[in-house]
Amino acid sequence: MRVLRNIAIIPARSGSKGLKDKNIKPLNGKPLMVYTIEAALKSNVFDEVVVSTDSKKYAEIAIEWGASVPFLRSEELSSDNASSWDVVRDVLQKYKEQGQNFNSFALLQPTSPLRKAEDIVKAYNTFYEKQANAIVGVTEAEHSPLWCGTLPEDQSLVGFFKSTDYSNQPRQKLAPYFRINGAIYIVKTDYFYTTNDIYENECYAYIMGRENSIDIDTEIDFKLANVLLKSGEI
């Protein structure tokens, strides 16, 4: 069995419910998923960059831009019920059947087109420096959850703040909160096979800027990413 170092897995199914054909929708002149393929290749940390897709059209585009597509994803793994981790298991198993194992994998969502090659490199550096089981991309939350709450049917704000300590505090004085941005997941393969929760043991954050953490889910997200790319500041 041949053991290679790292594999990038880019999940790109064709059945997007929000934006039709989101993963290949043109963004500043290139299909959306191409930005992730290019970043993975440019990082030079992967022995293999593979796109997992159920679409021959998507596969042709991925191959044209330098990714591998050695097989198409099954219909079952292309449903709304299939998770990204199910896709990862499928890819690793298919490669294992071909005689190839990997020490680690990076799950790189194509909906994070502003993630850079340098983000991948720095995340892997953190992975090695901390001897981590997993590294996950995060970014500072746009708004503190300490200012958030649920509303009753009459929309009364009485008791909205769980603690008066936060109600009159300026944003700058509140502790920063971070959210998972979906851009980078690096995981030791052996660890992945032995856990149901990658966050439970020796998992660390890789902090990314908000501008590189945009997750394309809606038309507004798409337009924002387009503006940032056209500005030349990304």
Protein backbone atom coordinates (compact mmCIF):
# COMPACT_ATOMS: atom_id res chain seq x y z
CA MET A 1 0.00 0.00 0.00
CA ARG A 2 1.44 3.35 -1.04
CA VAL A 3 1.21 6.02 1.67
CA LEU A 4 1.19 9.62 0.45
CA ARG A 5 1.25 12.74 2.53
CA ASN A 6 -1.78 14.96 1.92
CA ILE A 7 -4.89 14.99 -0.24
CA ALA A 8 -7.20 17.94 -0.91
CA ILE A 9 -10.84 16.93 -1.23
CA ILE A 10 -13.13 19.46 -2.92
CA PRO A 11 -16.82 18.44 -2.77
CA ALA A 12 -18.78 19.88 -5.70
CA ARG A 13 -22.15 18.28 -6.30
CA SER A 14 -24.42 19.66 -9.01
CA GLY A 15 -27.70 19.78 -7.09
CA SER A 16 -27.60 23.22 -5.49
CA LYS A 17 -31.02 24.30 -4.23
CA GLY A 18 -30.30 27.99 -3.59
CA LEU A 19 -28.13 29.13 -6.51
CA LYS A 20 -28.52 26.91 -9.58
CA ASP A 21 -25.22 25.26 -10.52
CA LYS A 22 -23.57 27.31 -7.78
CA ASN A 23 -20.28 25.44 -7.84
CA ILE A 24 -19.62 26.33 -11.48
CA LYS A 25 -21.39 29.69 -11.55
CA PRO A 26 -19.01 32.26 -13.10
CA LEU A 27 -17.35 34.46 -10.49
CA ASN A 28 -15.29 37.29 -11.92
CA GLY A 29 -14.74 35.25 -15.09
CA LYS A 30 -14.07 31.78 -13.61
CA PRO A 31 -16.30 28.95 -12.34
CA LEU A 32 -16.69 29.19 -8.57
CA MET A 33 -14.97 25.90 -7.73
CA VAL A 34 -11.90 26.85 -9.79
CA TYR A 35 -10.76 29.30 -7.09
CA THR A 36 -10.47 26.43 -4.61
CA ILE A 37 -8.74 24.16 -7.14
CA GLU A 38 -6.20 26.89 -7.91
CA ALA A 39 -5.54 27.65 -4.23
CA ALA A 40 -5.00 23.96 -3.46
CA LEU A 41 -2.60 23.48 -6.38
CA LYS A 42 -0.71 26.71 -5.68
CA SER A 43 -0.18 25.76 -2.02
CA ASN A 44 2.08 22.85 -3.07
CA VAL A 45 1.18 20.88 0.06
CA PHE A 46 -0.89 18.16 -1.63
CA ASP A 47 0.07 14.97 -3.40
CA GLU A 48 -3.43 14.89 -4.88
CA VAL A 49 -6.15 17.50 -5.45
CA VAL A 50 -9.43 15.73 -6.14
CA VAL A 51 -12.91 17.04 -6.90
CA SER A 52 -15.78 14.82 -5.77
CA THR A 53 -18.76 15.45 -8.02
CA ASP A 54 -21.77 13.67 -9.46
CA SER A 55 -21.63 15.64 -12.72
CA LYS A 56 -19.65 14.85 -15.88
CA LYS A 57 -19.81 18.54 -16.77
CA TYR A 58 -18.34 19.53 -13.41
CA ALA A 59 -15.70 16.82 -13.78
CA GLU A 60 -14.62 18.17 -17.16
CA ILE A 61 -14.25 21.67 -15.75
CA ALA A 62 -12.29 20.41 -12.73
CA ILE A 63 -9.89 18.41 -14.92
CA GLU A 64 -9.45 21.36 -17.28
CA TRP A 65 -8.23 23.45 -14.31
CA GLY A 66 -5.82 20.82 -13.01
CA ALA A 67 -7.76 18.73 -10.48
CA SER A 68 -8.20 14.95 -10.50
CA VAL A 69 -11.62 13.36 -10.90
CA PRO A 70 -10.92 9.60 -10.94
CA PHE A 71 -14.57 8.71 -10.30
CA LEU A 72 -18.03 10.25 -10.08
CA ARG A 73 -19.92 10.44 -6.81
CA SER A 74 -22.87 8.11 -6.33
CA GLU A 75 -26.45 9.33 -6.38
CA GLU A 76 -26.78 8.49 -2.69
CA LEU A 77 -23.83 10.74 -1.79
CA SER A 78 -25.26 13.54 -3.93
CA SER A 79 -28.49 13.85 -1.93
CA ASP A 80 -29.31 16.51 0.65
CA ASN A 81 -28.92 13.87 3.36
CA ALA A 82 -25.26 13.16 2.60
CA SER A 83 -22.71 15.13 4.62
CA SER A 84 -19.30 16.39 3.57
CA TRP A 85 -17.77 13.80 5.90
CA ASP A 86 -19.63 11.05 4.04
CA VAL A 87 -18.01 12.35 0.87
CA VAL A 88 -14.58 12.36 2.52
CA ARG A 89 -14.99 8.72 3.58
CA ASP A 90 -16.03 7.80 0.05
CA VAL A 91 -12.99 9.50 -1.51
CA LEU A 92 -10.52 7.98 0.95
CA GLN A 93 -12.04 4.53 0.46
CA LYS A 94 -11.91 4.79 -3.34
CA TYR A 95 -8.23 5.78 -3.21
CA LYS A 96 -7.51 2.98 -0.74
CA GLU A 97 -9.01 0.52 -3.21
CA GLN A 98 -6.54 1.88 -5.77
CA GLY A 99 -3.66 1.24 -3.37
CA GLN A 100 -3.20 4.79 -2.09
CA ASN A 101 -3.48 6.01 1.50
CA PHE A 102 -2.90 9.52 2.85
CA ASN A 103 -1.56 10.75 6.17
CA SER A 104 -3.98 13.67 6.19
CA PHE A 105 -6.70 15.28 4.13
CA ALA A 106 -7.95 18.82 3.73
CA LEU A 107 -11.64 19.32 3.11
CA LEU A 108 -11.86 22.49 1.03
CA GLN A 109 -15.37 23.70 0.29
CA PRO A 110 -15.70 25.32 -3.17
CA THR A 111 -18.08 27.87 -1.64
CA SER A 112 -15.08 29.60 0.00
CA PRO A 113 -13.48 31.10 -3.13
CA LEU A 114 -11.54 33.84 -1.31
CA ARG A 115 -9.51 31.39 0.76
CA LYS A 116 -5.92 31.75 -0.45
CA ALA A 117 -3.11 29.27 -1.03
CA GLU A 118 -1.24 30.98 1.80
CA ASP A 119 -4.15 30.21 4.13
CA ILE A 120 -3.79 26.53 3.30
CA VAL A 121 -0.01 26.66 3.84
CA LYS A 122 -0.33 28.49 7.16
CA ALA A 123 -3.06 26.13 8.34
CA TYR A 124 -0.84 23.14 7.55
CA ASN A 125 2.07 24.82 9.34
CA THR A 126 -0.14 25.09 12.42
CA PHE A 127 -1.18 21.47 11.94
CA TYR A 128 2.45 20.32 12.04
CA GLU A 129 3.65 22.76 14.73
CA LYS A 130 0.92 21.74 17.17
CA GLN A 131 1.07 18.08 16.15
CA ALA A 132 -2.68 18.42 15.88
CA ASN A 133 -5.28 15.86 15.00
CA ALA A 134 -7.28 18.54 13.22
CA ILE A 135 -7.19 22.20 12.21
CA VAL A 136 -10.37 24.12 11.39
CA GLY A 137 -10.69 27.55 9.81
CA VAL A 138 -12.47 30.21 11.88
CA THR A 139 -13.08 33.93 11.62
CA GLU A 140 -14.19 36.54 14.13
CA ALA A 141 -17.97 36.78 14.29
CA GLU A 142 -19.45 39.85 12.64
CA HIS A 143 -21.64 40.53 15.70
CA SER A 144 -21.22 39.40 19.28
CA PRO A 145 -23.75 36.71 20.30
CA LEU A 146 -23.90 38.53 23.64
CA TRP A 147 -26.09 41.07 21.84
CA CYS A 148 -28.31 38.36 20.37
CA GLY A 149 -31.41 36.67 21.72
CA THR A 150 -34.75 35.13 20.84
CA LEU A 151 -38.02 37.09 20.61
CA PRO A 152 -41.41 36.11 21.99
CA GLU A 153 -44.53 36.31 19.81
CA ASP A 154 -45.26 39.91 20.88
CA GLN A 155 -41.62 40.88 20.05
CA SER A 156 -41.04 42.31 23.51
CA LEU A 157 -37.41 43.10 24.34
CA VAL A 158 -37.99 42.74 28.09
CA GLY A 159 -35.36 40.29 29.32
CA PHE A 160 -33.70 40.19 25.90
CA PHE A 161 -30.26 40.47 27.46
CA LYS A 162 -29.52 37.52 29.70
CA SER A 163 -27.14 39.73 31.65
CA THR A 164 -27.18 43.51 32.09
CA ASP A 165 -23.36 43.32 32.01
CA TYR A 166 -23.56 43.29 28.19
CA SER A 167 -26.53 45.53 27.42
CA ASN A 168 -24.68 48.85 27.73
CA GLN A 169 -21.18 47.71 26.73
CA PRO A 170 -19.66 49.12 23.53
CA ARG A 171 -18.72 46.50 20.94
CA GLN A 172 -15.00 47.14 21.42
CA LYS A 173 -15.17 46.06 25.08
CA LEU A 174 -16.90 42.75 24.45
CA ALA A 175 -14.77 39.61 24.23
CA PRO A 176 -14.30 38.50 20.61
CA TYR A 177 -16.26 35.47 19.46
CA PHE A 178 -15.29 33.28 16.54
CA ARG A 179 -17.29 31.14 14.14
CA ILE A 180 -16.38 28.19 11.94
CA ASN A 181 -16.01 29.64 8.43
CA GLY A 182 -16.16 26.39 6.42
CA ALA A 183 -13.05 27.25 4.39
CA ILE A 184 -10.47 24.80 5.76
CA TYR A 185 -10.64 21.47 7.58
CA ILE A 186 -7.36 19.57 7.92
CA VAL A 187 -7.58 16.18 9.61
CA LYS A 188 -5.22 13.28 10.25
CA THR A 189 -6.66 10.34 8.37
CA ASP A 190 -6.11 7.83 11.19
CA TYR A 191 -7.82 10.19 13.65
CA PHE A 192 -10.75 10.69 11.28
CA TYR A 193 -11.41 6.95 11.22
CA THR A 194 -11.45 6.71 15.03
CA THR A 195 -13.72 9.62 15.97
CA ASN A 196 -17.25 10.85 15.34
CA ASP A 197 -16.28 14.38 16.35
CA ILE A 198 -13.09 15.92 14.95
CA TYR A 199 -13.26 18.68 17.56
CA GLU A 200 -12.94 16.41 20.58
CA ASN A 201 -9.17 15.89 20.80
CA GLU A 202 -6.18 18.04 19.78
CA CYS A 203 -8.22 20.15 17.37
CA TYR A 204 -7.09 23.77 16.90
CA ALA A 205 -8.30 26.89 15.13
CA TYR A 206 -6.69 28.60 12.18
CA ILE A 207 -7.91 32.21 12.27
CA MET A 208 -8.74 33.79 8.91
CA GLY A 209 -9.78 37.31 7.97
CA ARG A 210 -13.41 38.03 7.28
CA GLU A 211 -12.65 39.00 3.70
CA ASN A 212 -11.22 35.52 3.06
CA SER A 213 -14.02 33.76 4.94
CA ILE A 214 -17.00 34.58 2.72
CA ASP A 215 -19.14 31.47 2.27
CA ILE A 216 -21.19 31.55 -0.92
CA ASP A 217 -24.74 30.56 -0.03
CA THR A 218 -26.90 33.32 -1.47
CA GLU A 219 -26.86 35.73 -4.40
CA ILE A 220 -25.78 38.49 -2.00
CA ASP A 221 -22.74 36.43 -0.93
CA PHE A 222 -21.90 35.92 -4.58
CA LYS A 223 -22.14 39.61 -5.39
CA LEU A 224 -19.98 40.54 -2.39
CA ALA A 225 -17.26 38.07 -3.42
CA ASN A 226 -17.40 39.44 -6.95
CA VAL A 227 -16.95 43.01 -5.74
CA LEU A 228 -13.97 42.04 -3.56
CA LEU A 229 -12.31 40.17 -6.43
CA LYS A 230 -12.84 43.03 -8.86
CA SER A 231 -11.39 45.49 -6.33
CA GLY A 232 -8.04 43.73 -6.55
CA GLU A 233 -7.67 43.79 -2.75
CA ILE A 234 -8.15 40.01 -2.38
